[in-house]
N, C-alpha and C. Protein backbone atom coordinates (compact mmCIF):
# COMPACT_ATOMS: atom_id res chain seq x y z
N MET A 1 57.93 159.25 115.30
CA MET A 1 57.23 159.24 114.24
C MET A 1 55.82 159.89 114.58
N ARG A 2 55.33 160.76 113.69
CA ARG A 2 54.10 161.49 113.90
C ARG A 2 52.94 160.85 113.21
N VAL A 3 52.01 160.62 113.75
CA VAL A 3 50.79 159.70 113.34
C VAL A 3 49.50 160.62 113.55
N LEU A 4 48.63 160.52 112.65
CA LEU A 4 47.37 161.20 112.82
C LEU A 4 46.13 160.05 112.82
N VAL A 5 45.45 159.97 113.70
CA VAL A 5 44.37 158.97 113.76
C VAL A 5 43.21 159.53 113.44
N VAL A 6 42.42 159.06 112.43
CA VAL A 6 41.15 159.62 111.92
C VAL A 6 40.05 158.63 112.16
N GLU A 7 39.27 158.90 113.17
CA GLU A 7 38.08 157.77 113.49
C GLU A 7 37.09 158.53 114.19
N ASP A 8 35.65 158.35 113.68
CA ASP A 8 34.56 159.08 114.30
C ASP A 8 34.16 158.38 115.50
N HIS A 9 34.51 157.25 115.65
CA HIS A 9 34.08 156.62 117.03
C HIS A 9 35.27 156.84 118.13
N ALA A 10 34.82 157.85 118.98
CA ALA A 10 35.83 158.41 119.89
C ALA A 10 36.59 157.39 120.60
N ARG A 11 35.81 156.48 121.17
CA ARG A 11 36.33 155.51 122.02
C ARG A 11 37.42 154.60 121.25
N LEU A 12 37.23 154.23 120.13
CA LEU A 12 38.16 153.60 119.39
C LEU A 12 39.30 154.41 118.98
N ALA A 13 39.15 155.59 118.58
CA ALA A 13 40.09 156.58 118.18
C ALA A 13 41.07 156.87 119.25
N ASP A 14 40.52 157.04 120.58
CA ASP A 14 41.41 157.29 121.61
C ASP A 14 42.10 155.99 122.06
N SER A 15 41.40 154.82 121.89
CA SER A 15 42.20 153.72 122.18
C SER A 15 43.22 153.33 121.41
N VAL A 16 43.05 153.44 119.93
CA VAL A 16 44.28 153.41 119.14
C VAL A 16 45.44 154.42 119.43
N ALA A 17 45.05 155.66 119.78
CA ALA A 17 45.98 156.51 119.94
C ALA A 17 46.85 156.28 121.18
N ARG A 18 46.19 155.59 122.21
CA ARG A 18 46.90 155.20 123.46
C ARG A 18 47.85 154.06 123.25
N VAL A 19 47.43 153.21 122.39
CA VAL A 19 48.39 152.06 122.02
C VAL A 19 49.47 152.41 121.16
N LEU A 20 49.38 153.49 120.30
CA LEU A 20 50.60 153.99 119.51
C LEU A 20 51.39 154.90 120.16
N ARG A 21 50.84 155.56 121.17
CA ARG A 21 51.80 156.24 122.13
C ARG A 21 52.62 155.64 123.06
N ARG A 22 52.10 154.41 123.34
CA ARG A 22 52.89 153.44 124.34
C ARG A 22 53.89 152.94 123.67
N GLU A 23 53.97 152.92 122.21
CA GLU A 23 55.05 152.52 121.36
C GLU A 23 56.08 153.72 121.00
N GLY A 24 55.86 154.77 121.60
CA GLY A 24 56.65 155.84 121.51
C GLY A 24 56.31 156.86 120.33
N MET A 25 55.18 156.66 119.72
CA MET A 25 54.74 157.59 118.65
C MET A 25 54.08 158.86 119.18
N ALA A 26 54.34 159.88 118.27
CA ALA A 26 53.60 161.17 118.58
C ALA A 26 52.15 161.07 117.92
N VAL A 27 51.07 161.13 118.56
CA VAL A 27 49.86 160.74 118.00
C VAL A 27 48.83 161.95 118.14
N ASP A 28 48.20 162.39 117.19
CA ASP A 28 47.07 163.44 117.15
C ASP A 28 45.76 162.74 116.69
N VAL A 29 44.59 163.18 117.07
CA VAL A 29 43.38 162.53 116.78
C VAL A 29 42.41 163.40 116.09
N ALA A 30 41.80 163.14 115.18
CA ALA A 30 40.65 163.89 114.42
C ALA A 30 39.54 162.86 114.40
N TYR A 31 38.43 163.41 114.76
CA TYR A 31 37.16 162.66 114.65
C TYR A 31 36.35 162.85 113.55
N ASP A 32 36.69 163.47 112.49
CA ASP A 32 35.99 163.70 111.27
C ASP A 32 36.88 164.09 110.00
N GLY A 33 36.53 163.85 108.88
CA GLY A 33 37.24 164.13 107.70
C GLY A 33 37.87 165.61 107.57
N ARG A 34 36.91 166.64 107.92
CA ARG A 34 37.34 168.04 107.73
C ARG A 34 38.42 168.51 108.64
N THR A 35 38.32 167.98 109.90
CA THR A 35 39.32 168.14 110.89
C THR A 35 40.56 167.66 110.52
N ALA A 36 40.47 166.30 109.91
CA ALA A 36 41.75 165.70 109.48
C ALA A 36 42.53 166.49 108.37
N LEU A 37 41.77 166.97 107.49
CA LEU A 37 42.31 167.80 106.33
C LEU A 37 42.86 169.19 106.94
N ASP A 38 42.29 169.66 108.01
CA ASP A 38 42.91 170.93 108.56
C ASP A 38 44.27 170.46 109.17
N ARG A 39 44.32 169.37 109.90
CA ARG A 39 45.41 168.92 110.50
C ARG A 39 46.59 168.65 109.58
N THR A 40 46.34 167.84 108.44
CA THR A 40 47.24 167.51 107.54
C THR A 40 47.90 168.79 106.80
N ALA A 41 47.08 169.66 106.74
CA ALA A 41 47.48 171.04 106.18
C ALA A 41 48.49 171.74 106.96
N GLU A 42 48.43 171.51 108.27
CA GLU A 42 49.53 172.06 109.31
C GLU A 42 50.65 171.19 109.64
N VAL A 43 50.49 169.90 109.75
CA VAL A 43 51.54 169.09 110.30
C VAL A 43 51.93 168.16 109.02
N ASP A 44 53.18 167.82 109.02
CA ASP A 44 53.82 166.83 108.00
C ASP A 44 53.74 165.34 108.60
N TYR A 45 52.66 164.76 108.57
CA TYR A 45 52.41 163.35 109.36
C TYR A 45 53.42 162.32 108.65
N ASP A 46 53.85 161.31 109.34
CA ASP A 46 54.64 160.22 108.67
C ASP A 46 53.36 159.25 108.26
N VAL A 47 52.47 159.08 108.97
CA VAL A 47 51.34 158.11 108.73
C VAL A 47 50.05 158.73 109.20
N VAL A 48 48.96 158.47 108.36
CA VAL A 48 47.68 158.77 108.81
C VAL A 48 46.80 157.46 108.67
N VAL A 49 46.34 157.16 109.92
CA VAL A 49 45.46 156.03 110.08
C VAL A 49 43.97 156.45 109.95
N LEU A 50 43.52 155.99 108.71
CA LEU A 50 42.21 156.85 108.20
C LEU A 50 40.93 155.77 108.14
N ASP A 51 40.05 156.06 109.04
CA ASP A 51 38.69 155.32 108.86
C ASP A 51 38.07 155.62 107.54
N ARG A 52 37.61 154.67 107.02
CA ARG A 52 36.95 155.00 105.53
C ARG A 52 35.53 155.49 105.66
N ASP A 53 34.90 155.03 106.82
CA ASP A 53 33.43 155.47 106.86
C ASP A 53 33.21 156.68 107.92
N LEU A 54 33.71 158.04 107.48
CA LEU A 54 33.65 159.14 108.22
C LEU A 54 32.43 159.88 107.84
N PRO A 55 31.70 160.67 108.76
CA PRO A 55 30.87 161.72 108.48
C PRO A 55 31.35 162.81 107.93
N GLY A 56 30.61 163.60 107.11
CA GLY A 56 31.08 164.90 106.59
C GLY A 56 31.90 164.49 105.32
N VAL A 57 33.22 164.58 105.40
CA VAL A 57 34.13 164.47 104.26
C VAL A 57 34.48 163.04 104.53
N PRO A 58 34.13 162.07 103.69
CA PRO A 58 34.33 160.65 103.74
C PRO A 58 35.89 160.31 103.59
N GLY A 59 36.16 159.21 104.27
CA GLY A 59 37.54 158.75 104.30
C GLY A 59 38.18 158.68 102.86
N ASP A 60 37.48 158.07 101.95
CA ASP A 60 37.95 158.08 100.55
C ASP A 60 38.31 159.44 100.03
N GLU A 61 37.47 160.47 100.26
CA GLU A 61 37.76 161.81 99.71
C GLU A 61 38.93 162.26 100.46
N VAL A 62 39.22 162.25 101.75
CA VAL A 62 40.30 162.59 102.47
C VAL A 62 41.51 161.98 101.90
N CYS A 63 41.56 160.68 101.58
CA CYS A 63 42.69 160.00 100.95
C CYS A 63 42.93 160.63 99.47
N ARG A 64 41.95 160.90 98.85
CA ARG A 64 42.20 161.43 97.50
C ARG A 64 42.97 162.79 97.59
N LEU A 65 42.43 163.66 98.42
CA LEU A 65 43.03 164.92 98.60
C LEU A 65 44.33 164.87 99.12
N LEU A 66 44.59 163.92 100.09
CA LEU A 66 45.96 163.85 100.58
C LEU A 66 46.96 163.41 99.40
N MET A 67 46.49 162.68 98.57
CA MET A 67 47.31 162.10 97.50
C MET A 67 47.62 163.20 96.40
N ARG A 68 46.84 164.38 96.36
CA ARG A 68 47.09 165.58 95.57
C ARG A 68 48.33 166.37 95.78
N GLU A 69 48.61 166.13 97.22
CA GLU A 69 49.47 166.95 97.70
C GLU A 69 50.89 166.40 97.65
N PRO A 70 52.19 167.11 97.54
CA PRO A 70 53.42 166.65 97.34
C PRO A 70 53.91 166.30 98.90
N LEU A 71 53.22 165.38 99.38
CA LEU A 71 53.56 164.85 100.95
C LEU A 71 54.27 163.53 100.88
N ARG A 72 54.90 163.11 101.80
CA ARG A 72 55.52 161.92 102.03
C ARG A 72 54.66 161.11 103.06
N THR A 73 53.47 161.62 103.38
CA THR A 73 52.52 160.95 104.35
C THR A 73 52.01 159.55 103.74
N ARG A 74 52.00 158.56 104.48
CA ARG A 74 51.54 157.17 104.15
C ARG A 74 50.18 157.03 104.75
N VAL A 75 49.28 156.41 104.18
CA VAL A 75 47.81 156.25 104.69
C VAL A 75 47.58 154.82 104.81
N LEU A 76 47.15 154.37 106.09
CA LEU A 76 46.59 153.23 106.33
C LEU A 76 45.13 153.27 106.58
N MET A 77 44.35 152.69 105.75
CA MET A 77 42.96 152.87 105.71
C MET A 77 42.32 151.66 106.53
N LEU A 78 41.32 152.16 107.34
CA LEU A 78 40.54 151.19 108.06
C LEU A 78 39.06 151.18 107.66
N THR A 79 38.41 149.94 107.72
CA THR A 79 37.12 149.91 107.45
C THR A 79 36.50 148.67 107.88
N ALA A 80 35.17 148.72 108.27
CA ALA A 80 34.47 147.57 108.65
C ALA A 80 34.24 146.41 107.57
N ALA A 81 34.25 147.13 106.10
CA ALA A 81 34.08 146.25 105.12
C ALA A 81 35.32 145.68 104.62
N GLY A 82 35.42 144.49 104.74
CA GLY A 82 36.69 143.64 104.53
C GLY A 82 36.73 142.68 103.22
N THR A 83 36.00 142.98 102.26
CA THR A 83 35.98 142.03 101.10
C THR A 83 37.15 142.46 100.14
N ILE A 84 37.46 141.69 99.52
CA ILE A 84 38.65 141.98 98.45
C ILE A 84 38.45 143.07 97.50
N ALA A 85 37.31 143.35 97.19
CA ALA A 85 36.88 144.48 96.31
C ALA A 85 36.97 145.69 97.07
N ASP A 86 36.59 145.75 98.31
CA ASP A 86 36.70 146.91 99.13
C ASP A 86 38.28 147.22 99.36
N ARG A 87 38.99 146.29 99.57
CA ARG A 87 40.46 146.45 99.66
C ARG A 87 41.11 147.06 98.46
N VAL A 88 40.70 146.50 97.26
CA VAL A 88 41.30 146.93 95.99
C VAL A 88 40.89 148.41 95.74
N GLN A 89 39.57 148.63 96.04
CA GLN A 89 39.23 150.05 95.84
C GLN A 89 39.93 151.08 96.83
N GLY A 90 40.21 150.59 98.07
CA GLY A 90 40.85 151.52 98.93
C GLY A 90 42.36 151.74 98.50
N LEU A 91 42.94 150.76 98.00
CA LEU A 91 44.33 150.87 97.60
C LEU A 91 44.36 151.69 96.21
N THR A 92 43.34 151.60 95.43
CA THR A 92 43.29 152.23 94.11
C THR A 92 43.21 153.65 94.42
N ILE A 93 42.48 154.23 95.24
CA ILE A 93 42.42 155.71 95.54
C ILE A 93 43.59 156.20 96.10
N GLY A 94 44.49 155.42 96.49
CA GLY A 94 45.82 156.01 96.99
C GLY A 94 46.18 155.58 98.31
N ALA A 95 45.50 154.76 99.10
CA ALA A 95 45.90 154.18 100.38
C ALA A 95 47.29 153.27 100.20
N ASP A 96 48.05 153.34 101.19
CA ASP A 96 49.16 152.58 101.23
C ASP A 96 49.14 151.16 101.72
N ASP A 97 48.08 151.09 102.59
CA ASP A 97 47.84 149.73 103.25
C ASP A 97 46.27 149.84 103.65
N TYR A 98 45.78 148.64 104.09
CA TYR A 98 44.44 148.51 104.30
C TYR A 98 44.25 147.51 105.42
N LEU A 99 43.45 147.78 106.56
CA LEU A 99 43.33 146.85 107.48
C LEU A 99 41.79 146.88 107.87
N PRO A 100 41.18 145.66 107.84
CA PRO A 100 39.80 145.67 108.06
C PRO A 100 39.54 145.52 109.49
N LYS A 101 38.51 146.08 109.95
CA LYS A 101 37.81 145.92 111.37
C LYS A 101 37.22 144.65 111.53
N PRO A 102 37.18 143.98 112.73
CA PRO A 102 38.07 144.25 113.74
C PRO A 102 39.54 143.79 113.61
N PHE A 103 40.36 144.62 114.19
CA PHE A 103 41.82 144.18 114.00
C PHE A 103 42.56 144.07 115.30
N ALA A 104 43.67 143.49 115.33
CA ALA A 104 44.54 143.27 116.46
C ALA A 104 45.46 144.37 116.61
N TYR A 105 45.57 144.89 117.74
CA TYR A 105 46.48 146.15 117.81
C TYR A 105 48.05 145.76 117.47
N PRO A 106 48.48 144.63 117.89
CA PRO A 106 49.80 144.34 117.40
C PRO A 106 50.11 144.33 115.90
N GLU A 107 49.11 143.98 115.13
CA GLU A 107 49.07 144.23 113.75
C GLU A 107 48.95 145.50 113.34
N LEU A 108 48.09 146.18 113.82
CA LEU A 108 47.90 147.86 113.63
C LEU A 108 49.40 148.42 113.94
N VAL A 109 49.99 148.29 115.04
CA VAL A 109 51.25 148.92 115.32
C VAL A 109 52.25 148.36 114.32
N ALA A 110 52.43 147.22 113.91
CA ALA A 110 53.47 146.71 112.98
C ALA A 110 53.03 147.38 111.53
N ARG A 111 51.92 147.53 111.31
CA ARG A 111 51.70 148.06 109.85
C ARG A 111 51.99 149.69 109.84
N VAL A 112 51.63 150.35 111.03
CA VAL A 112 52.03 151.80 111.12
C VAL A 112 53.59 151.86 111.09
N ARG A 113 54.30 151.15 111.78
CA ARG A 113 55.81 151.18 111.79
C ARG A 113 56.37 150.89 110.37
N ALA A 114 55.73 149.89 109.75
CA ALA A 114 56.09 149.60 108.34
C ALA A 114 56.12 150.82 107.39
N LEU A 115 54.79 151.44 107.51
CA LEU A 115 54.51 152.67 106.65
C LEU A 115 55.64 153.54 106.95
N GLY A 116 55.70 154.02 108.32
CA GLY A 116 56.51 154.89 108.96
C GLY A 116 58.04 154.81 108.27
N ARG A 117 58.55 153.63 108.18
CA ARG A 117 59.88 153.41 107.65
C ARG A 117 59.86 153.89 106.10
N ARG A 118 58.80 153.79 105.47
CA ARG A 118 58.78 154.22 103.86
C ARG A 118 58.81 155.58 103.93
N THR A 119 58.59 156.53 104.88
CA THR A 119 58.70 157.85 104.64
C THR A 119 60.08 158.37 105.06
N GLN A 120 60.94 157.42 105.45
CA GLN A 120 62.20 157.92 106.02
C GLN A 120 63.33 157.21 105.08
N PRO A 121 64.47 157.84 105.03
CA PRO A 121 65.54 157.13 104.22
C PRO A 121 65.94 155.77 104.94
N ALA A 122 66.21 154.92 104.09
CA ALA A 122 66.57 153.48 104.67
C ALA A 122 67.54 153.50 105.72
N VAL A 123 67.09 152.77 106.78
CA VAL A 123 68.01 152.74 107.87
C VAL A 123 68.14 151.12 108.19
N PRO A 124 69.24 150.74 108.90
CA PRO A 124 69.33 149.24 109.32
C PRO A 124 68.24 148.93 110.37
N PRO A 125 67.96 147.71 110.27
CA PRO A 125 66.75 147.19 111.35
C PRO A 125 67.15 147.35 112.76
N VAL A 126 68.45 147.45 113.00
CA VAL A 126 69.11 147.80 114.35
C VAL A 126 69.83 149.02 114.20
N LEU A 127 69.56 149.95 114.93
CA LEU A 127 70.35 151.12 114.81
C LEU A 127 71.44 151.19 115.83
N ALA A 128 72.70 151.60 115.66
CA ALA A 128 73.88 151.49 116.49
C ALA A 128 74.71 152.51 116.19
N HIS A 129 75.54 152.77 117.35
CA HIS A 129 76.53 153.77 117.37
C HIS A 129 77.55 153.30 118.56
N GLY A 130 78.62 152.91 118.21
CA GLY A 130 79.63 152.25 119.10
C GLY A 130 78.98 151.09 119.84
N ASP A 131 78.92 151.12 121.17
CA ASP A 131 78.46 150.05 121.89
C ASP A 131 77.00 150.37 122.26
N LEU A 132 76.26 151.44 121.58
CA LEU A 132 74.85 151.55 121.82
C LEU A 132 74.26 151.02 120.63
N ALA A 133 72.99 150.26 120.96
CA ALA A 133 72.19 149.66 120.01
C ALA A 133 70.85 149.76 120.20
N LEU A 134 69.99 150.10 119.32
CA LEU A 134 68.38 150.08 119.47
C LEU A 134 67.81 149.47 118.26
N ASP A 135 66.92 148.43 118.82
CA ASP A 135 65.97 147.59 117.92
C ASP A 135 64.55 148.28 117.83
N PRO A 136 64.28 149.09 116.92
CA PRO A 136 63.04 149.80 116.83
C PRO A 136 61.68 148.78 116.97
N ALA A 137 61.91 147.65 116.34
CA ALA A 137 60.84 146.70 116.16
C ALA A 137 60.54 146.06 117.69
N GLN A 138 61.62 145.84 118.45
CA GLN A 138 61.37 145.32 119.71
C GLN A 138 61.37 146.28 120.83
N ARG A 139 61.64 147.65 120.54
CA ARG A 139 61.53 148.64 121.39
C ARG A 139 62.52 148.40 122.57
N VAL A 140 63.88 147.99 122.23
CA VAL A 140 64.66 147.68 123.12
C VAL A 140 66.08 148.43 122.83
N ALA A 141 66.74 148.92 123.84
CA ALA A 141 67.96 149.64 123.50
C ALA A 141 68.97 148.99 124.67
N THR A 142 70.22 148.89 124.11
CA THR A 142 71.26 148.37 125.18
C THR A 142 72.46 149.23 124.88
N ARG A 143 73.44 149.01 125.87
CA ARG A 143 74.77 149.66 125.87
C ARG A 143 75.67 148.66 126.46
N ALA A 144 76.81 148.37 125.57
CA ALA A 144 77.64 147.46 126.17
C ALA A 144 77.03 146.03 126.56
N GLY A 145 75.71 145.72 125.74
CA GLY A 145 75.04 144.51 126.05
C GLY A 145 74.18 144.57 127.15
N ALA A 146 74.13 145.63 127.84
CA ALA A 146 73.22 145.75 128.88
C ALA A 146 71.98 146.60 128.69
N ARG A 147 70.71 145.98 128.73
CA ARG A 147 69.51 146.73 128.48
C ARG A 147 69.25 147.93 129.28
N LEU A 148 68.92 148.98 128.49
CA LEU A 148 68.64 150.29 129.09
C LEU A 148 67.18 150.40 129.53
N ALA A 149 66.85 151.03 130.75
CA ALA A 149 65.59 151.14 131.15
C ALA A 149 64.97 152.51 130.79
N LEU A 150 64.57 152.53 129.44
CA LEU A 150 64.17 153.69 128.82
C LEU A 150 62.57 153.73 128.67
N ASN A 151 61.93 154.79 129.10
CA ASN A 151 60.45 155.01 128.67
C ASN A 151 60.16 155.16 127.34
N PRO A 152 59.13 155.05 126.81
CA PRO A 152 58.78 155.23 125.35
C PRO A 152 59.25 156.55 124.79
N LYS A 153 59.05 157.55 125.49
CA LYS A 153 59.56 158.86 124.79
C LYS A 153 61.10 158.92 124.82
N GLU A 154 61.77 158.47 125.63
CA GLU A 154 63.26 158.32 125.73
C GLU A 154 63.68 157.55 124.58
N LEU A 155 63.01 156.21 124.34
CA LEU A 155 63.42 155.40 123.37
C LEU A 155 63.10 156.03 121.83
N ALA A 156 62.02 156.93 121.90
CA ALA A 156 61.70 157.52 120.67
C ALA A 156 62.60 158.65 120.27
N VAL A 157 63.07 159.34 121.31
CA VAL A 157 64.15 160.36 121.04
C VAL A 157 65.41 159.74 120.53
N LEU A 158 65.89 158.76 121.47
CA LEU A 158 67.13 157.90 121.00
C LEU A 158 66.91 157.38 119.40
N GLU A 159 65.82 156.77 119.11
CA GLU A 159 65.73 156.32 117.87
C GLU A 159 65.94 157.36 116.79
N TYR A 160 65.13 158.62 116.96
CA TYR A 160 65.27 159.48 116.17
C TYR A 160 66.78 160.13 115.90
N LEU A 161 67.34 160.21 117.02
CA LEU A 161 68.85 160.57 117.00
C LEU A 161 69.65 159.77 116.21
N LEU A 162 69.49 158.37 116.60
CA LEU A 162 70.47 157.42 115.89
C LEU A 162 70.11 157.31 114.38
N ALA A 163 68.77 157.43 114.04
CA ALA A 163 68.29 157.39 112.67
C ALA A 163 68.74 158.60 111.72
N ALA A 164 69.17 159.82 112.66
CA ALA A 164 69.61 160.96 111.92
C ALA A 164 70.96 160.70 111.49
N GLN A 165 71.92 159.67 111.94
CA GLN A 165 73.16 159.32 111.48
C GLN A 165 74.06 160.46 111.48
N GLY A 166 74.15 161.19 112.60
CA GLY A 166 75.26 162.34 112.92
C GLY A 166 74.65 163.58 112.48
N ARG A 167 73.44 163.63 111.90
CA ARG A 167 72.86 165.08 111.69
C ARG A 167 72.40 165.60 112.93
N VAL A 168 72.67 166.97 112.97
CA VAL A 168 72.16 167.78 113.99
C VAL A 168 70.54 167.94 114.07
N VAL A 169 69.71 167.49 115.02
CA VAL A 169 68.47 167.55 115.24
C VAL A 169 68.20 168.65 116.25
N SER A 170 67.34 169.68 115.73
CA SER A 170 66.92 170.80 116.76
C SER A 170 65.92 170.36 117.57
N ALA A 171 65.76 171.12 118.79
CA ALA A 171 64.72 170.69 119.77
C ALA A 171 63.38 171.00 119.26
N GLU A 172 63.31 172.01 118.26
CA GLU A 172 61.96 172.04 117.47
C GLU A 172 61.60 170.99 116.65
N GLU A 173 62.64 170.29 115.97
CA GLU A 173 62.40 169.15 115.25
C GLU A 173 61.84 167.92 116.07
N LEU A 174 62.63 167.70 117.25
CA LEU A 174 62.24 166.73 118.05
C LEU A 174 60.85 166.78 118.69
N LEU A 175 60.47 168.23 119.00
CA LEU A 175 59.25 168.41 119.58
C LEU A 175 58.00 168.11 118.62
N GLU A 176 58.22 168.39 117.26
CA GLU A 176 57.35 168.04 116.34
C GLU A 176 57.17 166.69 115.89
N ARG A 177 58.46 165.88 115.91
CA ARG A 177 58.32 164.59 115.35
C ARG A 177 58.16 163.61 116.44
N VAL A 178 58.42 163.92 117.71
CA VAL A 178 58.38 162.81 118.95
C VAL A 178 57.29 163.14 119.65
N TRP A 179 56.96 164.29 119.99
CA TRP A 179 55.67 164.66 120.82
C TRP A 179 54.64 165.06 120.04
N ASP A 180 53.26 165.22 120.50
CA ASP A 180 52.21 165.53 119.63
C ASP A 180 51.48 166.95 120.08
N GLU A 181 50.33 167.14 119.39
CA GLU A 181 49.74 168.48 119.48
C GLU A 181 49.34 168.84 121.08
N ALA A 182 49.43 167.91 121.89
CA ALA A 182 48.94 168.30 123.19
C ALA A 182 50.09 168.92 124.08
N THR A 183 51.53 168.88 123.37
CA THR A 183 52.46 169.44 124.11
C THR A 183 52.66 171.00 123.98
N ASP A 184 52.84 171.65 125.05
CA ASP A 184 53.22 173.00 124.95
C ASP A 184 54.42 173.34 124.14
N PRO A 185 54.39 174.09 122.97
CA PRO A 185 55.68 174.35 122.27
C PRO A 185 56.68 175.15 123.15
N PHE A 186 56.20 175.86 124.11
CA PHE A 186 57.25 176.44 125.08
C PHE A 186 57.71 175.81 126.17
N THR A 187 57.40 174.44 126.12
CA THR A 187 57.77 173.53 127.41
C THR A 187 59.30 173.27 127.27
N THR A 188 59.77 172.80 128.53
CA THR A 188 61.02 172.30 128.70
C THR A 188 61.08 170.93 128.51
N THR A 189 60.18 170.15 128.07
CA THR A 189 60.10 168.73 128.01
C THR A 189 61.10 168.07 127.12
N VAL A 190 61.63 168.69 126.03
CA VAL A 190 62.78 168.27 125.26
C VAL A 190 63.90 168.08 126.21
N LYS A 191 64.24 169.18 126.85
CA LYS A 191 65.51 169.35 127.59
C LYS A 191 65.55 168.52 128.66
N ALA A 192 64.38 168.22 129.30
CA ALA A 192 64.21 167.29 130.48
C ALA A 192 64.43 165.97 130.15
N THR A 193 63.66 165.49 129.06
CA THR A 193 63.80 164.15 128.35
C THR A 193 65.27 163.91 127.96
N MET A 194 65.94 164.92 127.49
CA MET A 194 67.17 164.66 127.11
C MET A 194 68.25 164.54 128.25
N ASN A 195 67.89 165.29 129.39
CA ASN A 195 68.75 164.97 130.49
C ASN A 195 68.65 163.69 131.06
N ARG A 196 67.43 163.17 131.24
CA ARG A 196 67.03 161.85 131.65
C ARG A 196 67.76 160.67 130.78
N LEU A 197 67.58 160.91 129.39
CA LEU A 197 68.20 160.03 128.51
C LEU A 197 69.80 160.09 128.81
N ARG A 198 70.35 161.15 128.86
CA ARG A 198 71.74 161.10 128.99
C ARG A 198 72.21 160.29 130.20
N SER A 199 71.43 160.54 131.33
CA SER A 199 71.72 159.94 132.52
C SER A 199 71.70 158.46 132.42
N LYS A 200 70.56 157.84 131.74
CA LYS A 200 70.39 156.47 131.53
C LYS A 200 71.55 155.86 130.61
N LEU A 201 72.00 156.71 129.74
CA LEU A 201 72.95 156.01 128.72
C LEU A 201 74.29 155.95 129.42
N GLY A 202 74.60 156.77 130.30
CA GLY A 202 75.98 156.58 131.14
C GLY A 202 77.03 157.20 130.30
N GLU A 203 78.34 156.76 130.86
CA GLU A 203 79.48 157.37 130.39
C GLU A 203 80.14 156.23 129.33
N PRO A 204 80.96 156.63 128.52
CA PRO A 204 81.13 158.15 128.05
C PRO A 204 79.87 158.70 127.24
N PRO A 205 79.73 159.86 127.31
CA PRO A 205 78.52 160.80 126.75
C PRO A 205 78.54 160.16 125.14
N VAL A 206 77.19 160.08 124.77
CA VAL A 206 77.08 159.73 123.24
C VAL A 206 76.20 160.80 122.43
N ILE A 207 75.45 161.67 123.35
CA ILE A 207 74.70 162.81 122.86
C ILE A 207 75.38 164.05 123.07
N GLU A 208 75.60 164.74 121.89
CA GLU A 208 76.35 166.06 121.86
C GLU A 208 75.17 167.14 121.76
N THR A 209 75.49 168.38 122.56
CA THR A 209 74.66 169.52 122.45
C THR A 209 75.43 170.43 121.56
N VAL A 210 74.78 170.77 120.31
CA VAL A 210 75.39 171.77 119.40
C VAL A 210 74.86 173.11 119.78
N PRO A 211 75.61 174.07 120.31
CA PRO A 211 75.17 175.34 120.62
C PRO A 211 74.22 175.92 119.57
N ARG A 212 73.00 176.57 120.06
CA ARG A 212 72.06 177.01 118.95
C ARG A 212 71.69 176.34 117.86
N ALA A 213 71.87 175.05 117.92
CA ALA A 213 71.45 174.20 116.87
C ALA A 213 70.57 172.95 117.20
N GLY A 214 71.12 172.23 118.25
CA GLY A 214 70.32 171.08 118.62
C GLY A 214 71.28 169.97 119.18
N TYR A 215 70.92 168.78 118.74
CA TYR A 215 71.65 167.58 119.60
C TYR A 215 71.96 166.60 118.33
N ARG A 216 73.02 165.90 118.64
CA ARG A 216 73.37 164.73 117.60
C ARG A 216 74.11 163.74 118.38
N ILE A 217 74.20 162.46 117.74
CA ILE A 217 74.98 161.38 118.22
C ILE A 217 76.19 161.26 117.38
């Protein structure tokens, strides 16, 4: 899942990004509304976590402009104002969900995941293929009943491949949806992660390489 965090308080923005990355999400950060609009013009984000009180271009205006575009992006609006009227106004301008500050990180993660699922075709709560299973909510993968020791990026790659339901996924698509803007587009990180993932999944192999096309389960 690709997420953009838009928050002018750098420490909070970076903290939110770290928490979401630990959950296997690919996260970019913008500290003002203008930068957020530039990023969303270049990247198809699944979820934008948007502070309402931004300098320059306010969060409300960013949300309105996003809603004018034919995007699948979902918006989770954050604000220090938590009255019912504030929430209604935020939802009225196009936000998909609303979370007042201060918030608990587990709730933020849960809400981002819920919005992310709405941008994708419906998938089962537990993704499975043969004796391989992955619970996205619990961040747990098992094979033949044994838990797999996967790091967040390996879990994210496996989740994306399982959710593709047999569709071939290119390395470029994985790089865009699982990693973030800090990743060198010419890096071998996808191949290296895939090699580690295959090793941890064991035999018989479940990830197939399709020459000049990508990977599929």
